[in-house]
Every structure is written in C-alpha cells, then in structure tokens.
Amino acid sequence: MRIVCKPIAAALLGDYLDFFDHRAFTDNPRWASCYRNFPLHDPARKAWRLHTAPENRAAVSQCIASGKASGFLAYGTHTVVGWCNGAAWSHYPMPAIRHSPRPPL
C-alpha cells in the first residue's frame, strides 16, 4: 500500500474525525476517547480523568478548524490509516506534558 501524508488542516477535519471515530484505538478502548487531546488539555483547569470523549472531540475539532493543531494524516488508498503529531513542545501547556500522568493503558 502506498502511504501519502498530508499536514492537518481544517479541510481535513472530517477525515481526522472519521479516523478517530472508527479506526484509531480499536484495540484499546480506554484510549478511544482521547482524540489526541491529552497533550492539549490544561490540568490546572480540569483533571484529565474528567474529560469526556465528546469534550475531547470538540476541543480537538476546534484546534484543527482554527489552525492551532499540528500534525499529519497518513492516507492509504482513500482512507486515513494513521496520525502523527507534529507540534512543537511550546504548543502544549507544559503541565500537561511534564507533570500529568500518561493516559491509562
């Protein structure tokens, strides 16, 4: 299979959400609600364990729609088959990266 990577952009939001709604973390349901919002959340405002899947989905959607998200979607034939985060450390609230526990396995 040929893989093509595209930078995340507002026009690709539907593809991103389709991937996280239907294919990402199918083998790990406990991570399925993240939508890759864990590194973006600010634990000083709200503890990670209190975030719901719809909240994470909406927060990431807003970041992508506004151009604040960085990363790449990997496409197989016509479908997203992977995601790679591409943001600089300065993009994330530092407490979320350095002081918060990792999401449960």
PDB file of N, CA and C in Angstrom:
ATOM      1  N   MET A   1       0.849  -1.175   0.000  1.00  0.00           N
ATOM      2  CA  MET A   1       0.000   0.000   0.000  1.00  0.00           C
ATOM      3  C   MET A   1       0.893   1.236   0.000  1.00  0.00           C
ATOM      4  N   ARG A   2       0.561   2.185  -0.819  1.00  0.00           N
ATOM      5  CA  ARG A   2       1.266   3.458  -0.858  1.00  0.00           C
ATOM      6  C   ARG A   2       0.656   4.381   0.204  1.00  0.00           C
ATOM      7  N   ILE A   3       1.516   5.004   1.014  1.00  0.00           N
ATOM      8  CA  ILE A   3       1.072   5.924   2.058  1.00  0.00           C
ATOM      9  C   ILE A   3       1.400   7.349   1.630  1.00  0.00           C
ATOM     10  N   VAL A   4       0.430   8.229   1.746  1.00  0.00           N
ATOM     11  CA  VAL A   4       0.611   9.647   1.462  1.00  0.00           C
ATOM     12  C   VAL A   4       0.290  10.417   2.739  1.00  0.00           C
ATOM     13  N   CYS A   5       1.206  11.269   3.170  1.00  0.00           N
ATOM     14  CA  CYS A   5       0.987  12.067   4.380  1.00  0.00           C
ATOM     15  C   CYS A   5       0.615  13.494   3.998  1.00  0.00           C
ATOM     16  N   LYS A   6      -0.392  14.006   4.699  1.00  0.00           N
ATOM     17  CA  LYS A   6      -0.858  15.369   4.454  1.00  0.00           C
ATOM     18  C   LYS A   6      -0.877  16.124   5.777  1.00  0.00           C
ATOM     19  N   PRO A   7      -0.405  17.376   5.783  1.00  0.00           N
ATOM     20  CA  PRO A   7      -0.490  18.182   7.007  1.00  0.00           C
ATOM     21  C   PRO A   7      -1.955  18.399   7.390  1.00  0.00           C
ATOM     22  N   ILE A   8      -2.231  18.337   8.679  1.00  0.00           N
ATOM     23  CA  ILE A   8      -3.603  18.540   9.142  1.00  0.00           C
ATOM     24  C   ILE A   8      -4.036  19.971   8.808  1.00  0.00           C
ATOM     25  N   ALA A   9      -5.260  20.094   8.373  1.00  0.00           N
ATOM     26  CA  ALA A   9      -5.841  21.390   8.015  1.00  0.00           C
ATOM     27  C   ALA A   9      -7.347  21.301   8.223  1.00  0.00           C
ATOM     28  N   ALA A  10      -7.984  22.442   8.324  1.00  0.00           N
ATOM     29  CA  ALA A  10      -9.435  22.484   8.545  1.00  0.00           C
ATOM     30  C   ALA A  10     -10.180  21.657   7.502  1.00  0.00           C
ATOM     31  N   ALA A  11      -9.714  21.671   6.262  1.00  0.00           N
ATOM     32  CA  ALA A  11     -10.386  20.924   5.195  1.00  0.00           C
ATOM     33  C   ALA A  11     -10.328  19.409   5.421  1.00  0.00           C
ATOM     34  N   LEU A  12      -9.408  18.941   6.277  1.00  0.00           N
ATOM     35  CA  LEU A  12      -9.262  17.507   6.539  1.00  0.00           C
ATOM     36  C   LEU A  12      -9.878  17.080   7.875  1.00  0.00           C
ATOM     37  N   LEU A  13     -10.590  17.982   8.529  1.00  0.00           N
ATOM     38  CA  LEU A  13     -11.187  17.673   9.824  1.00  0.00           C
ATOM     39  C   LEU A  13     -12.077  16.431   9.761  1.00  0.00           C
ATOM     40  N   GLY A  14     -12.888  16.316   8.747  1.00  0.00           N
ATOM     41  CA  GLY A  14     -13.762  15.147   8.616  1.00  0.00           C
ATOM     42  C   GLY A  14     -12.984  13.847   8.538  1.00  0.00           C
ATOM     43  N   ASP A  15     -11.878  13.855   7.802  1.00  0.00           N
ATOM     44  CA  ASP A  15     -11.044  12.659   7.698  1.00  0.00           C
ATOM     45  C   ASP A  15     -10.425  12.315   9.053  1.00  0.00           C
ATOM     46  N   TYR A  16      -9.948  13.334   9.761  1.00  0.00           N
ATOM     47  CA  TYR A  16      -9.357  13.137  11.085  1.00  0.00           C
ATOM     48  C   TYR A  16     -10.379  12.506  12.038  1.00  0.00           C
ATOM     49  N   LEU A  17     -11.574  13.103  12.086  1.00  0.00           N
ATOM     50  CA  LEU A  17     -12.606  12.598  12.992  1.00  0.00           C
ATOM     51  C   LEU A  17     -13.058  11.194  12.602  1.00  0.00           C
ATOM     52  N   ASP A  18     -13.172  10.923  11.314  1.00  0.00           N
ATOM     53  CA  ASP A  18     -13.525   9.587  10.864  1.00  0.00           C
ATOM     54  C   ASP A  18     -12.501   8.568  11.347  1.00  0.00           C
ATOM     55  N   PHE A  19     -11.220   8.911  11.255  1.00  0.00           N
ATOM     56  CA  PHE A  19     -10.166   8.016  11.724  1.00  0.00           C
ATOM     57  C   PHE A  19     -10.299   7.745  13.217  1.00  0.00           C
ATOM     58  N   PHE A  20     -10.434   8.815  14.014  1.00  0.00           N
ATOM     59  CA  PHE A  20     -10.517   8.625  15.461  1.00  0.00           C
ATOM     60  C   PHE A  20     -11.860   8.066  15.915  1.00  0.00           C
ATOM     61  N   ASP A  21     -12.913   8.306  15.153  1.00  0.00           N
ATOM     62  CA  ASP A  21     -14.225   7.732  15.492  1.00  0.00           C
ATOM     63  C   ASP A  21     -14.295   6.235  15.196  1.00  0.00           C
ATOM     64  N   HIS A  22     -13.601   5.769  14.152  1.00  0.00           N
ATOM     65  CA  HIS A  22     -13.828   4.401  13.665  1.00  0.00           C
ATOM     66  C   HIS A  22     -12.618   3.483  13.615  1.00  0.00           C
ATOM     67  N   ARG A  23     -11.391   4.013  13.567  1.00  0.00           N
ATOM     68  CA  ARG A  23     -10.244   3.122  13.387  1.00  0.00           C
ATOM     69  C   ARG A  23      -9.162   3.263  14.450  1.00  0.00           C
ATOM     70  N   ALA A  24      -8.909   4.450  14.925  1.00  0.00           N
ATOM     71  CA  ALA A  24      -7.850   4.642  15.917  1.00  0.00           C
ATOM     72  C   ALA A  24      -8.254   3.985  17.240  1.00  0.00           C
ATOM     73  N   PHE A  25      -7.340   3.305  17.843  1.00  0.00           N
ATOM     74  CA  PHE A  25      -7.520   2.712  19.168  1.00  0.00           C
ATOM     75  C   PHE A  25      -8.641   1.680  19.246  1.00  0.00           C
ATOM     76  N   THR A  26      -8.970   1.040  18.138  1.00  0.00           N
ATOM     77  CA  THR A  26      -9.974  -0.027  18.207  1.00  0.00           C
ATOM     78  C   THR A  26      -9.477  -1.175  19.082  1.00  0.00           C
ATOM     79  N   ASP A  27      -8.163  -1.273  19.231  1.00  0.00           N
ATOM     80  CA  ASP A  27      -7.587  -2.309  20.085  1.00  0.00           C
ATOM     81  C   ASP A  27      -7.396  -1.833  21.522  1.00  0.00           C
ATOM     82  N   ASN A  28      -7.699  -0.576  21.810  1.00  0.00           N
ATOM     83  CA  ASN A  28      -7.531  -0.027  23.145  1.00  0.00           C
ATOM     84  C   ASN A  28      -8.664   0.955  23.440  1.00  0.00           C
ATOM     85  N   PRO A  29      -9.828   0.450  23.806  1.00  0.00           N
ATOM     86  CA  PRO A  29     -10.993   1.318  24.020  1.00  0.00           C
ATOM     87  C   PRO A  29     -10.787   2.395  25.079  1.00  0.00           C
ATOM     88  N   ARG A  30      -9.892   2.173  26.027  1.00  0.00           N
ATOM     89  CA  ARG A  30      -9.668   3.182  27.075  1.00  0.00           C
ATOM     90  C   ARG A  30      -9.015   4.440  26.506  1.00  0.00           C
ATOM     91  N   TRP A  31      -8.333   4.316  25.381  1.00  0.00           N
ATOM     92  CA  TRP A  31      -7.719   5.486  24.755  1.00  0.00           C
ATOM     93  C   TRP A  31      -8.612   6.088  23.685  1.00  0.00           C
ATOM     94  N   ALA A  32      -9.668   5.418  23.314  1.00  0.00           N
ATOM     95  CA  ALA A  32     -10.516   5.853  22.202  1.00  0.00           C
ATOM     96  C   ALA A  32     -11.149   7.219  22.446  1.00  0.00           C
ATOM     97  N   SER A  33     -11.326   7.605  23.684  1.00  0.00           N
ATOM     98  CA  SER A  33     -11.975   8.883  23.980  1.00  0.00           C
ATOM     99  C   SER A  33     -11.019  10.071  23.931  1.00  0.00           C
ATOM    100  N   CYS A  34      -9.744   9.841  23.721  1.00  0.00           N
ATOM    101  CA  CYS A  34      -8.741  10.905  23.787  1.00  0.00           C
ATOM    102  C   CYS A  34      -8.789  11.865  22.596  1.00  0.00           C
ATOM    103  N   TYR A  35      -8.935  11.339  21.401  1.00  0.00           N
ATOM    104  CA  TYR A  35      -8.894  12.144  20.176  1.00  0.00           C
ATOM    105  C   TYR A  35      -7.598  12.947  20.072  1.00  0.00           C
ATOM    106  N   ARG A  36      -6.587  12.519  20.813  1.00  0.00           N
ATOM    107  CA  ARG A  36      -5.268  13.123  20.935  1.00  0.00           C
ATOM    108  C   ARG A  36      -5.341  14.499  21.594  1.00  0.00           C
ATOM    109  N   ASN A  37      -6.320  14.652  22.499  1.00  0.00           N
ATOM    110  CA  ASN A  37      -6.471  15.887  23.262  1.00  0.00           C
ATOM    111  C   ASN A  37      -5.649  15.881  24.544  1.00  0.00           C
ATOM    112  N   PHE A  38      -5.155  14.713  24.962  1.00  0.00           N
ATOM    113  CA  PHE A  38      -4.415  14.651  26.227  1.00  0.00           C
ATOM    114  C   PHE A  38      -3.290  15.676  26.306  1.00  0.00           C
ATOM    115  N   PRO A  39      -2.414  15.767  25.308  1.00  0.00           N
ATOM    116  CA  PRO A  39      -1.332  16.747  25.450  1.00  0.00           C
ATOM    117  C   PRO A  39      -1.793  18.200  25.350  1.00  0.00           C
ATOM    118  N   LEU A  40      -3.003  18.431  24.877  1.00  0.00           N
ATOM    119  CA  LEU A  40      -3.516  19.793  24.738  1.00  0.00           C
ATOM    120  C   LEU A  40      -4.257  20.289  25.971  1.00  0.00           C
ATOM    121  N   HIS A  41      -4.733  19.367  26.801  1.00  0.00           N
ATOM    122  CA  HIS A  41      -5.542  19.809  27.938  1.00  0.00           C
ATOM    123  C   HIS A  41      -4.654  20.467  28.991  1.00  0.00           C
ATOM    124  N   ASP A  42      -5.247  21.335  29.768  1.00  0.00           N
ATOM    125  CA  ASP A  42      -4.534  22.015  30.845  1.00  0.00           C
ATOM    126  C   ASP A  42      -5.042  21.452  32.165  1.00  0.00           C
ATOM    127  N   PRO A  43      -4.228  20.640  32.847  1.00  0.00           N
ATOM    128  CA  PRO A  43      -4.695  20.019  34.090  1.00  0.00           C
ATOM    129  C   PRO A  43      -4.982  21.024  35.201  1.00  0.00           C
ATOM    130  N   ALA A  44      -4.494  22.243  35.074  1.00  0.00           N
ATOM    131  CA  ALA A  44      -4.813  23.268  36.072  1.00  0.00           C
ATOM    132  C   ALA A  44      -6.274  23.696  35.948  1.00  0.00           C
ATOM    133  N   ARG A  45      -6.848  23.516  34.771  1.00  0.00           N
ATOM    134  CA  ARG A  45      -8.246  23.890  34.539  1.00  0.00           C
ATOM    135  C   ARG A  45      -9.199  22.732  34.804  1.00  0.00           C
ATOM    136  N   LYS A  46      -8.768  21.508  34.446  1.00  0.00           N
ATOM    137  CA  LYS A  46      -9.631  20.344  34.601  1.00  0.00           C
ATOM    138  C   LYS A  46      -8.782  19.080  34.542  1.00  0.00           C
ATOM    139  N   ALA A  47      -8.971  18.206  35.498  1.00  0.00           N
ATOM    140  CA  ALA A  47      -8.220  16.952  35.528  1.00  0.00           C
ATOM    141  C   ALA A  47      -8.564  16.100  34.313  1.00  0.00           C
ATOM    142  N   TRP A  48      -7.559  15.422  33.774  1.00  0.00           N
ATOM    143  CA  TRP A  48      -7.758  14.613  32.574  1.00  0.00           C
ATOM    144  C   TRP A  48      -8.871  13.590  32.743  1.00  0.00           C
ATOM    145  N   ARG A  49      -8.946  12.924  33.870  1.00  0.00           N
ATOM    146  CA  ARG A  49      -9.939  11.857  34.072  1.00  0.00           C
ATOM    147  C   ARG A  49     -11.379  12.366  33.990  1.00  0.00           C
ATOM    148  N   LEU A  50     -11.568  13.680  34.065  1.00  0.00           N
ATOM    149  CA  LEU A  50     -12.906  14.264  33.989  1.00  0.00           C
ATOM    150  C   LEU A  50     -13.331  14.633  32.570  1.00  0.00           C
ATOM    151  N   HIS A  51     -12.416  14.539  31.623  1.00  0.00           N
ATOM    152  CA  HIS A  51     -12.736  14.859  30.225  1.00  0.00           C
ATOM    153  C   HIS A  51     -13.509  13.705  29.596  1.00  0.00           C
ATOM    154  N   THR A  52     -14.544  14.027  28.863  1.00  0.00           N
ATOM    155  CA  THR A  52     -15.325  13.009  28.164  1.00  0.00           C
ATOM    156  C   THR A  52     -14.906  12.948  26.691  1.00  0.00           C
ATOM    157  N   ALA A  53     -15.272  11.881  26.031  1.00  0.00           N
ATOM    158  CA  ALA A  53     -14.974  11.746  24.608  1.00  0.00           C
ATOM    159  C   ALA A  53     -15.569  12.907  23.798  1.00  0.00           C
ATOM    160  N   PRO A  54     -16.847  13.263  24.009  1.00  0.00           N
ATOM    161  CA  PRO A  54     -17.392  14.399  23.242  1.00  0.00           C
ATOM    162  C   PRO A  54     -16.643  15.712  23.501  1.00  0.00           C
ATOM    163  N   GLU A  55     -16.208  15.936  24.742  1.00  0.00           N
ATOM    164  CA  GLU A  55     -15.438  17.149  25.040  1.00  0.00           C
ATOM    165  C   GLU A  55     -14.094  17.137  24.312  1.00  0.00           C
ATOM    166  N   ASN A  56     -13.423  15.994  24.332  1.00  0.00           N
ATOM    167  CA  ASN A  56     -12.131  15.883  23.656  1.00  0.00           C
ATOM    168  C   ASN A  56     -12.293  16.057  22.149  1.00  0.00           C
ATOM    169  N   ARG A  57     -13.325  15.443  21.601  1.00  0.00           N
ATOM    170  CA  ARG A  57     -13.585  15.548  20.161  1.00  0.00           C
ATOM    171  C   ARG A  57     -13.829  17.004  19.776  1.00  0.00           C
ATOM    172  N   ALA A  58     -14.639  17.707  20.565  1.00  0.00           N
ATOM    173  CA  ALA A  58     -14.943  19.116  20.279  1.00  0.00           C
ATOM    174  C   ALA A  58     -13.704  19.994  20.422  1.00  0.00           C
ATOM    175  N   ALA A  59     -12.898  19.753  21.448  1.00  0.00           N
ATOM    176  CA  ALA A  59     -11.695  20.563  21.676  1.00  0.00           C
ATOM    177  C   ALA A  59     -10.698  20.393  20.534  1.00  0.00           C
ATOM    178  N   VAL A  60     -10.472  19.152  20.109  1.00  0.00           N
ATOM    179  CA  VAL A  60      -9.544  18.907  19.005  1.00  0.00           C
ATOM    180  C   VAL A  60     -10.114  19.462  17.702  1.00  0.00           C
ATOM    181  N   SER A  61     -11.409  19.319  17.499  1.00  0.00           N
ATOM    182  CA  SER A  61     -12.033  19.871  16.294  1.00  0.00           C
ATOM    183  C   SER A  61     -11.815  21.379  16.212  1.00  0.00           C
ATOM    184  N   GLN A  62     -11.948  22.050  17.335  1.00  0.00           N
ATOM    185  CA  GLN A  62     -11.742  23.496  17.369  1.00  0.00           C
ATOM    186  C   GLN A  62     -10.279  23.836  17.050  1.00  0.00           C
ATOM    187  N   CYS A  63      -9.341  23.065  17.590  1.00  0.00           N
ATOM    188  CA  CYS A  63      -7.923  23.309  17.299  1.00  0.00           C
ATOM    189  C   CYS A  63      -7.621  23.114  15.820  1.00  0.00           C
ATOM    190  N   ILE A  64      -8.188  22.076  15.225  1.00  0.00           N
ATOM    191  CA  ILE A  64      -7.949  21.824  13.805  1.00  0.00           C
ATOM    192  C   ILE A  64      -8.613  22.902  12.954  1.00  0.00           C
ATOM    193  N   ALA A  65      -9.859  23.233  13.266  1.00  0.00           N
ATOM    194  CA  ALA A  65     -10.591  24.235  12.478  1.00  0.00           C
ATOM    195  C   ALA A  65      -9.926  25.608  12.543  1.00  0.00           C
ATOM    196  N   SER A  66      -9.313  25.933  13.680  1.00  0.00           N
ATOM    197  CA  SER A  66      -8.683  27.243  13.838  1.00  0.00           C
ATOM    198  C   SER A  66      -7.232  27.271  13.369  1.00  0.00           C
ATOM    199  N   GLY A  67      -6.702  26.116  12.976  1.00  0.00           N
ATOM    200  CA  GLY A  67      -5.316  26.062  12.523  1.00  0.00           C
ATOM    201  C   GLY A  67      -4.306  25.918  13.639  1.00  0.00           C
ATOM    202  N   LYS A  68      -4.762  25.677  14.865  1.00  0.00           N
ATOM    203  CA  LYS A  68      -3.850  25.548  16.003  1.00  0.00           C
ATOM    204  C   LYS A  68      -3.262  24.147  16.137  1.00  0.00           C
ATOM    205  N   ALA A  69      -3.821  23.174  15.443  1.00  0.00           N
ATOM    206  CA  ALA A  69      -3.324  21.801  15.523  1.00  0.00           C
ATOM    207  C   ALA A  69      -2.183  21.614  14.538  1.00  0.00           C
ATOM    208  N   SER A  70      -1.236  20.798  14.917  1.00  0.00           N
ATOM    209  CA  SER A  70      -0.111  20.471  14.046  1.00  0.00           C
ATOM    210  C   SER A  70       0.034  18.963  13.984  1.00  0.00           C
ATOM    211  N   GLY A  71       0.268  18.460  12.807  1.00  0.00           N
ATOM    212  CA  GLY A  71       0.461  17.033  12.648  1.00  0.00           C
ATOM    213  C   GLY A  71       0.163  16.612  11.229  1.00  0.00           C
ATOM    214  N   PHE A  72       0.158  15.304  11.013  1.00  0.00           N
ATOM    215  CA  PHE A  72      -0.026  14.757   9.680  1.00  0.00           C
ATOM    216  C   PHE A  72      -0.999  13.591   9.708  1.00  0.00           C
ATOM    217  N   LEU A  73      -1.821  13.515   8.701  1.00  0.00           N
ATOM    218  CA  LEU A  73      -2.674  12.355   8.480  1.00  0.00           C
ATOM    219  C   LEU A  73      -1.989  11.483   7.436  1.00  0.00           C
ATOM    220  N   ALA A  74      -1.964  10.183   7.689  1.00  0.00           N
ATOM    221  CA  ALA A  74      -1.397   9.230   6.734  1.00  0.00           C
ATOM    222  C   ALA A  74      -2.554   8.536   6.033  1.00  0.00           C
ATOM    223  N   TYR A  75      -2.576   8.648   4.709  1.00  0.00           N
ATOM    224  CA  TYR A  75      -3.646   8.071   3.899  1.00  0.00           C
ATOM    225  C   TYR A  75      -3.149   6.809   3.207  1.00  0.00           C
ATOM    226  N   GLY A  76      -3.998   5.771   3.254  1.00  0.00           N
ATOM    227  CA  GLY A  76      -3.790   4.586   2.438  1.00  0.00           C
ATOM    228  C   GLY A  76      -4.407   4.883   1.086  1.00  0.00           C
ATOM    229  N   THR A  77      -5.135   3.962   0.532  1.00  0.00           N
ATOM    230  CA  THR A  77      -5.740   4.170  -0.779  1.00  0.00           C
ATOM    231  C   THR A  77      -6.657   5.394  -0.783  1.00  0.00           C
ATOM    232  N   HIS A  78      -7.685   5.408   0.052  1.00  0.00           N
ATOM    233  CA  HIS A  78      -8.603   6.548   0.142  1.00  0.00           C
ATOM    234  C   HIS A  78      -8.983   6.857   1.584  1.00  0.00           C
ATOM    235  N   THR A  79      -8.337   6.211   2.512  1.00  0.00           N
ATOM    236  CA  THR A  79      -8.734   6.282   3.912  1.00  0.00           C
ATOM    237  C   THR A  79      -7.543   6.643   4.788  1.00  0.00           C
ATOM    238  N   VAL A  80      -7.802   7.399   5.854  1.00  0.00           N
ATOM    239  CA  VAL A  80      -6.746   7.691   6.818  1.00  0.00           C
ATOM    240  C   VAL A  80      -6.414   6.407   7.572  1.00  0.00           C
ATOM    241  N   VAL A  81      -5.124   6.091   7.592  1.00  0.00           N
ATOM    242  CA  VAL A  81      -4.662   4.888   8.278  1.00  0.00           C
ATOM    243  C   VAL A  81      -3.744   5.211   9.451  1.00  0.00           C
ATOM    244  N   GLY A  82      -3.442   6.501   9.642  1.00  0.00           N
ATOM    245  CA  GLY A  82      -2.580   6.870  10.754  1.00  0.00           C
ATOM    246  C   GLY A  82      -2.515   8.362  10.981  1.00  0.00           C
ATOM    247  N   TRP A  83      -1.983   8.709  12.141  1.00  0.00           N
ATOM    248  CA  TRP A  83      -1.854  10.094  12.557  1.00  0.00           C
ATOM    249  C   TRP A  83      -0.491  10.259  13.204  1.00  0.00           C
ATOM    250  N   CYS A  84       0.175  11.359  12.933  1.00  0.00           N
ATOM    251  CA  CYS A  84       1.445  11.688  13.571  1.00  0.00           C
ATOM    252  C   CYS A  84       1.361  13.109  14.079  1.00  0.00           C
ATOM    253  N   ASN A  85       1.554  13.280  15.371  1.00  0.00           N
ATOM    254  CA  ASN A  85       1.557  14.610  15.948  1.00  0.00           C
ATOM    255  C   ASN A  85       2.818  15.330  15.489  1.00  0.00           C
ATOM    256  N   GLY A  86       2.698  16.590  15.183  1.00  0.00           N
ATOM    257  CA  GLY A  86       3.850  17.331  14.695  1.00  0.00           C
ATOM    258  C   GLY A  86       4.008  18.688  15.343  1.00  0.00           C
ATOM    259  N   ALA A  87       3.518  18.856  16.533  1.00  0.00           N
ATOM    260  CA  ALA A  87       3.576  20.159  17.190  1.00  0.00           C
ATOM    261  C   ALA A  87       4.866  20.317  17.995  1.00  0.00           C
ATOM    262  N   ALA A  88       5.307  21.544  18.110  1.00  0.00           N
ATOM    263  CA  ALA A  88       6.453  21.872  18.949  1.00  0.00           C
ATOM    264  C   ALA A  88       6.044  21.805  20.415  1.00  0.00           C
ATOM    265  N   TRP A  89       7.008  21.545  21.298  1.00  0.00           N
ATOM    266  CA  TRP A  89       6.727  21.498  22.740  1.00  0.00           C
ATOM    267  C   TRP A  89       6.029  22.766  23.203  1.00  0.00           C
ATOM    268  N   SER A  90       6.403  23.902  22.638  1.00  0.00           N
ATOM    269  CA  SER A  90       5.827  25.186  23.062  1.00  0.00           C
ATOM    270  C   SER A  90       4.334  25.284  22.754  1.00  0.00           C
ATOM    271  N   HIS A  91       3.827  24.387  21.928  1.00  0.00           N
ATOM    272  CA  HIS A  91       2.412  24.379  21.558  1.00  0.00           C
ATOM    273  C   HIS A  91       1.524  23.851  22.691  1.00  0.00           C
ATOM    274  N   TYR A  92       2.110  23.098  23.601  1.00  0.00           N
ATOM    275  CA  TYR A  92       1.343  22.423  24.652  1.00  0.00           C
ATOM    276  C   TYR A  92       1.492  23.119  25.992  1.00  0.00           C
ATOM    277  N   PRO A  93       0.419  23.054  26.799  1.00  0.00           N
ATOM    278  CA  PRO A  93       0.568  23.548  28.170  1.00  0.00           C
ATOM    279  C   PRO A  93       1.615  22.677  28.873  1.00  0.00           C
ATOM    280  N   MET A  94       2.639  23.271  29.370  1.00  0.00           N
ATOM    281  CA  MET A  94       3.730  22.490  29.954  1.00  0.00           C
ATOM    282  C   MET A  94       3.290  21.533  31.056  1.00  0.00           C
ATOM    283  N   PRO A  95       2.357  21.911  31.933  1.00  0.00           N
ATOM    284  CA  PRO A  95       1.952  20.935  32.957  1.00  0.00           C
ATOM    285  C   PRO A  95       1.402  19.643  32.360  1.00  0.00           C
ATOM    286  N   ALA A  96       0.719  19.746  31.249  1.00  0.00           N
ATOM    287  CA  ALA A  96       0.137  18.548  30.637  1.00  0.00           C
ATOM    288  C   ALA A  96       1.218  17.595  30.163  1.00  0.00           C
ATOM    289  N   ILE A  97       2.344  18.107  29.745  1.00  0.00           N
ATOM    290  CA  ILE A  97       3.425  17.267  29.244  1.00  0.00           C
ATOM    291  C   ILE A  97       4.316  16.782  30.380  1.00  0.00           C
ATOM    292  N   ARG A  98       4.685  17.646  31.272  1.00  0.00           N
ATOM    293  CA  ARG A  98       5.704  17.312  32.266  1.00  0.00           C
ATOM    294  C   ARG A  98       5.185  16.799  33.598  1.00  0.00           C
ATOM    295  N   HIS A  99       3.957  17.146  33.978  1.00  0.00           N
ATOM    296  CA  HIS A  99       3.502  16.811  35.327  1.00  0.00           C
ATOM    297  C   HIS A  99       2.269  15.934  35.403  1.00  0.00           C
ATOM    298  N   SER A 100       1.587  15.725  34.317  1.00  0.00           N
ATOM    299  CA  SER A 100       0.369  14.908  34.340  1.00  0.00           C
ATOM    300  C   SER A 100       0.718  13.453  34.079  1.00  0.00           C
ATOM    301  N   PRO A 101      -0.055  12.549  34.645  1.00  0.00           N
ATOM    302  CA  PRO A 101       0.173  11.135  34.339  1.00  0.00           C
ATOM    303  C   PRO A 101      -0.229  10.833  32.892  1.00  0.00           C
ATOM    304  N   ARG A 102       0.400   9.824  32.335  1.00  0.00           N
ATOM    305  CA  ARG A 102       0.013   9.406  30.986  1.00  0.00           C
ATOM    306  C   ARG A 102      -1.381   8.795  31.032  1.00  0.00           C
ATOM    307  N   PRO A 103      -2.099   8.829  29.910  1.00  0.00           N
ATOM    308  CA  PRO A 103      -3.419   8.183  29.892  1.00  0.00           C
ATOM    309  C   PRO A 103      -3.280   6.708  30.261  1.00  0.00           C
ATOM    310  N   PRO A 104      -4.279   6.151  30.954  1.00  0.00           N
ATOM    311  CA  PRO A 104      -4.193   4.744  31.354  1.00  0.00           C
ATOM    312  C   PRO A 104      -4.148   3.839  30.134  1.00  0.00           C
ATOM    313  N   LEU A 105      -3.433   2.731  30.271  1.00  0.00           N
ATOM    314  CA  LEU A 105      -3.325   1.765  29.171  1.00  0.00           C
ATOM    315  C   LEU A 105      -4.554   0.902  29.066  1.00  0.00           C
TER     316      LEU A 105
END
